[in-house]
Amino acid sequence: QVRLVESGGGLVQPGGSLRISCATSGSISSIGVMGWYRQAPGNQRDWVALITNGGTTNYADSVKGRFTISNDNAKNTLYLQMNNLKLEDTGVYYCKAASGLMAWHSPNIGVWGQGTQVTVSS
């Protein structure tokens, strides 16, 4: 069983930066894809960025050029560096782990963290 614990959320002004983390434990060898989703109040949960165990990354169009996903295998920790934050980046950010890309994009398959709140406000 994989366990995910997010941290690092907070309040930041527009144009600012923030890095959130996801500590991973358990059956890490079963993970093929990890990444981040976010959910704003009243909205569905949308994917933001992912990284495969081969190191391939992919980003939602709304965050390309501003967000960077990375994985520190020695620390079993996933990161999301968020730069030039905008008001619309506000939401709860969830870490997710799945065996592959199909599972990654299936809301009912995979393992979710509890979420960390990111608020962008002046």
C-alpha atoms as a PDB file:
ATOM      1  CA  GLN A   1       0.000   0.000   0.000  1.00  0.00           C
ATOM      2  CA  VAL A   2       1.276   3.460  -0.950  1.00  0.00           C
ATOM      3  CA  ARG A   3       0.822   6.407   1.400  1.00  0.00           C
ATOM      4  CA  LEU A   4       1.095  10.046   0.304  1.00  0.00           C
ATOM      5  CA  VAL A   5       1.400  13.068   2.590  1.00  0.00           C
ATOM      6  CA  GLU A   6       1.403  16.581   1.111  1.00  0.00           C
ATOM      7  CA  SER A   7       2.881  19.672   2.730  1.00  0.00           C
ATOM      8  CA  GLY A   8       4.006  23.190   1.910  1.00  0.00           C
ATOM      9  CA  GLY A   9       0.769  24.890   0.974  1.00  0.00           C
ATOM     10  CA  GLY A  10      -0.017  28.413   2.101  1.00  0.00           C
ATOM     11  CA  LEU A  11      -0.937  31.963   1.174  1.00  0.00           C
ATOM     12  CA  VAL A  12       1.051  33.732  -1.532  1.00  0.00           C
ATOM     13  CA  GLN A  13       0.590  36.944  -3.489  1.00  0.00           C
ATOM     14  CA  PRO A  14       0.034  36.960  -7.248  1.00  0.00           C
ATOM     15  CA  GLY A  15       3.354  36.657  -9.030  1.00  0.00           C
ATOM     16  CA  GLY A  16       4.895  34.849  -6.081  1.00  0.00           C
ATOM     17  CA  SER A  17       6.332  31.362  -5.773  1.00  0.00           C
ATOM     18  CA  LEU A  18       5.630  28.329  -3.636  1.00  0.00           C
ATOM     19  CA  ARG A  19       6.910  24.755  -3.501  1.00  0.00           C
ATOM     20  CA  ILE A  20       4.697  21.946  -2.305  1.00  0.00           C
ATOM     21  CA  SER A  21       5.881  18.457  -1.406  1.00  0.00           C
ATOM     22  CA  CYS A  22       4.491  14.943  -1.325  1.00  0.00           C
ATOM     23  CA  ALA A  23       6.225  12.396   0.897  1.00  0.00           C
ATOM     24  CA  THR A  24       5.775   8.837  -0.311  1.00  0.00           C
ATOM     25  CA  SER A  25       5.961   5.623   1.678  1.00  0.00           C
ATOM     26  CA  GLY A  26       4.915   2.007   1.311  1.00  0.00           C
ATOM     27  CA  SER A  27       5.013  -0.044  -1.908  1.00  0.00           C
ATOM     28  CA  ILE A  28       6.850   2.590  -3.932  1.00  0.00           C
ATOM     29  CA  SER A  29       8.011   0.056  -6.526  1.00  0.00           C
ATOM     30  CA  SER A  30       4.404  -0.305  -7.702  1.00  0.00           C
ATOM     31  CA  ILE A  31       4.224   3.352  -8.763  1.00  0.00           C
ATOM     32  CA  GLY A  32       4.526   4.141 -12.459  1.00  0.00           C
ATOM     33  CA  VAL A  33       3.200   7.705 -12.480  1.00  0.00           C
ATOM     34  CA  MET A  34       3.012  10.407  -9.831  1.00  0.00           C
ATOM     35  CA  GLY A  35       1.834  13.959  -9.942  1.00  0.00           C
ATOM     36  CA  TRP A  36      -0.549  16.651  -8.873  1.00  0.00           C
ATOM     37  CA  TYR A  37      -4.180  17.522  -9.255  1.00  0.00           C
ATOM     38  CA  ARG A  38      -5.922  20.600  -7.940  1.00  0.00           C
ATOM     39  CA  GLN A  39      -9.481  21.467  -7.045  1.00  0.00           C
ATOM     40  CA  ALA A  40     -10.879  24.962  -6.675  1.00  0.00           C
ATOM     41  CA  PRO A  41     -14.109  25.513  -4.695  1.00  0.00           C
ATOM     42  CA  GLY A  42     -17.092  24.424  -6.738  1.00  0.00           C
ATOM     43  CA  ASN A  43     -14.921  22.945  -9.481  1.00  0.00           C
ATOM     44  CA  GLN A  44     -13.911  19.439 -10.437  1.00  0.00           C
ATOM     45  CA  ARG A  45     -10.485  18.068  -9.633  1.00  0.00           C
ATOM     46  CA  ASP A  46      -8.164  18.692 -12.600  1.00  0.00           C
ATOM     47  CA  TRP A  47      -4.710  17.331 -13.245  1.00  0.00           C
ATOM     48  CA  VAL A  48      -1.831  19.803 -13.137  1.00  0.00           C
ATOM     49  CA  ALA A  49       1.416  17.923 -13.693  1.00  0.00           C
ATOM     50  CA  LEU A  50       2.733  14.395 -13.797  1.00  0.00           C
ATOM     51  CA  ILE A  51       6.028  12.559 -13.911  1.00  0.00           C
ATOM     52  CA  THR A  52       6.598   8.945 -14.892  1.00  0.00           C
ATOM     53  CA  ASN A  53       9.123   6.630 -13.280  1.00  0.00           C
ATOM     54  CA  GLY A  54      11.128   7.091 -16.475  1.00  0.00           C
ATOM     55  CA  GLY A  55      11.331  10.818 -15.818  1.00  0.00           C
ATOM     56  CA  THR A  56       8.911  11.989 -18.490  1.00  0.00           C
ATOM     57  CA  THR A  57       6.931  15.044 -17.420  1.00  0.00           C
ATOM     58  CA  ASN A  58       3.727  16.564 -18.671  1.00  0.00           C
ATOM     59  CA  TYR A  59       1.831  19.696 -17.689  1.00  0.00           C
ATOM     60  CA  ALA A  60      -1.620  21.113 -18.092  1.00  0.00           C
ATOM     61  CA  ASP A  61      -1.618  24.019 -20.548  1.00  0.00           C
ATOM     62  CA  SER A  62      -2.625  26.434 -17.791  1.00  0.00           C
ATOM     63  CA  VAL A  63       0.623  25.882 -15.866  1.00  0.00           C
ATOM     64  CA  LYS A  64       3.181  25.237 -18.620  1.00  0.00           C
ATOM     65  CA  GLY A  65       6.208  27.462 -18.230  1.00  0.00           C
ATOM     66  CA  ARG A  66       5.313  28.338 -14.632  1.00  0.00           C
ATOM     67  CA  PHE A  67       5.228  25.040 -12.737  1.00  0.00           C
ATOM     68  CA  THR A  68       7.932  22.384 -12.513  1.00  0.00           C
ATOM     69  CA  ILE A  69       7.429  18.868 -11.196  1.00  0.00           C
ATOM     70  CA  SER A  70      10.362  16.889  -9.845  1.00  0.00           C
ATOM     71  CA  ASN A  71      11.060  13.750  -7.883  1.00  0.00           C
ATOM     72  CA  ASP A  72      13.801  13.175  -5.327  1.00  0.00           C
ATOM     73  CA  ASN A  73      14.101   9.390  -5.283  1.00  0.00           C
ATOM     74  CA  ALA A  74      16.584   9.420  -2.405  1.00  0.00           C
ATOM     75  CA  LYS A  75      14.024  11.186  -0.213  1.00  0.00           C
ATOM     76  CA  ASN A  76      10.957   9.498  -1.750  1.00  0.00           C
ATOM     77  CA  THR A  77       9.493  12.951  -2.186  1.00  0.00           C
ATOM     78  CA  LEU A  78       7.668  14.575  -5.063  1.00  0.00           C
ATOM     79  CA  TYR A  79       7.757  18.340  -5.521  1.00  0.00           C
ATOM     80  CA  LEU A  80       5.827  20.960  -7.422  1.00  0.00           C
ATOM     81  CA  GLN A  81       7.614  24.277  -7.823  1.00  0.00           C
ATOM     82  CA  MET A  82       5.069  26.958  -8.666  1.00  0.00           C
ATOM     83  CA  ASN A  83       6.262  30.300 -10.008  1.00  0.00           C
ATOM     84  CA  ASN A  84       4.419  33.400 -11.202  1.00  0.00           C
ATOM     85  CA  LEU A  85       1.323  32.248  -9.353  1.00  0.00           C
ATOM     86  CA  LYS A  86      -2.040  33.571 -10.466  1.00  0.00           C
ATOM     87  CA  LEU A  87      -5.343  33.977  -8.642  1.00  0.00           C
ATOM     88  CA  GLU A  88      -6.759  31.044 -10.611  1.00  0.00           C
ATOM     89  CA  ASP A  89      -4.073  28.742  -9.198  1.00  0.00           C
ATOM     90  CA  THR A  90      -5.906  28.810  -5.874  1.00  0.00           C
ATOM     91  CA  GLY A  91      -7.184  25.440  -4.733  1.00  0.00           C
ATOM     92  CA  VAL A  92      -6.458  22.266  -2.838  1.00  0.00           C
ATOM     93  CA  TYR A  93      -3.529  20.458  -4.409  1.00  0.00           C
ATOM     94  CA  TYR A  94      -3.614  16.683  -4.250  1.00  0.00           C
ATOM     95  CA  CYS A  95      -0.745  14.304  -4.822  1.00  0.00           C
ATOM     96  CA  LYS A  96      -1.628  11.128  -6.697  1.00  0.00           C
ATOM     97  CA  ALA A  97       0.242   7.907  -7.446  1.00  0.00           C
ATOM     98  CA  ALA A  98      -0.820   5.301  -9.985  1.00  0.00           C
ATOM     99  CA  SER A  99       0.571   2.259 -11.748  1.00  0.00           C
ATOM    100  CA  GLY A 100       0.371   3.847 -15.211  1.00  0.00           C
ATOM    101  CA  LEU A 101      -1.061   6.682 -17.271  1.00  0.00           C
ATOM    102  CA  MET A 102      -4.499   5.119 -17.746  1.00  0.00           C
ATOM    103  CA  ALA A 103      -4.853   4.695 -14.000  1.00  0.00           C
ATOM    104  CA  TRP A 104      -3.480   8.190 -13.486  1.00  0.00           C
ATOM    105  CA  HIS A 105      -6.324   9.709 -15.488  1.00  0.00           C
ATOM    106  CA  SER A 106      -8.985   7.557 -13.816  1.00  0.00           C
ATOM    107  CA  PRO A 107     -10.382   9.329 -10.737  1.00  0.00           C
ATOM    108  CA  ASN A 108     -11.291   6.098  -8.967  1.00  0.00           C
ATOM    109  CA  ILE A 109      -7.970   4.322  -9.505  1.00  0.00           C
ATOM    110  CA  GLY A 110      -4.718   5.074  -7.721  1.00  0.00           C
ATOM    111  CA  VAL A 111      -3.747   6.535  -4.373  1.00  0.00           C
ATOM    112  CA  TRP A 112      -4.501  10.094  -3.267  1.00  0.00           C
ATOM    113  CA  GLY A 113      -3.003  12.250  -0.570  1.00  0.00           C
ATOM    114  CA  GLN A 114      -5.116  14.347   1.766  1.00  0.00           C
ATOM    115  CA  GLY A 115      -4.397  17.613  -0.071  1.00  0.00           C
ATOM    116  CA  THR A 116      -2.715  20.894   0.768  1.00  0.00           C
ATOM    117  CA  GLN A 117      -4.339  24.311   0.368  1.00  0.00           C
ATOM    118  CA  VAL A 118      -2.719  26.896  -1.892  1.00  0.00           C
ATOM    119  CA  THR A 119      -4.254  30.355  -1.834  1.00  0.00           C
ATOM    120  CA  VAL A 120      -3.135  33.085  -4.202  1.00  0.00           C
ATOM    121  CA  SER A 121      -4.433  36.438  -3.044  1.00  0.00           C
ATOM    122  CA  SER A 122      -3.336  40.031  -2.702  1.00  0.00           C
END
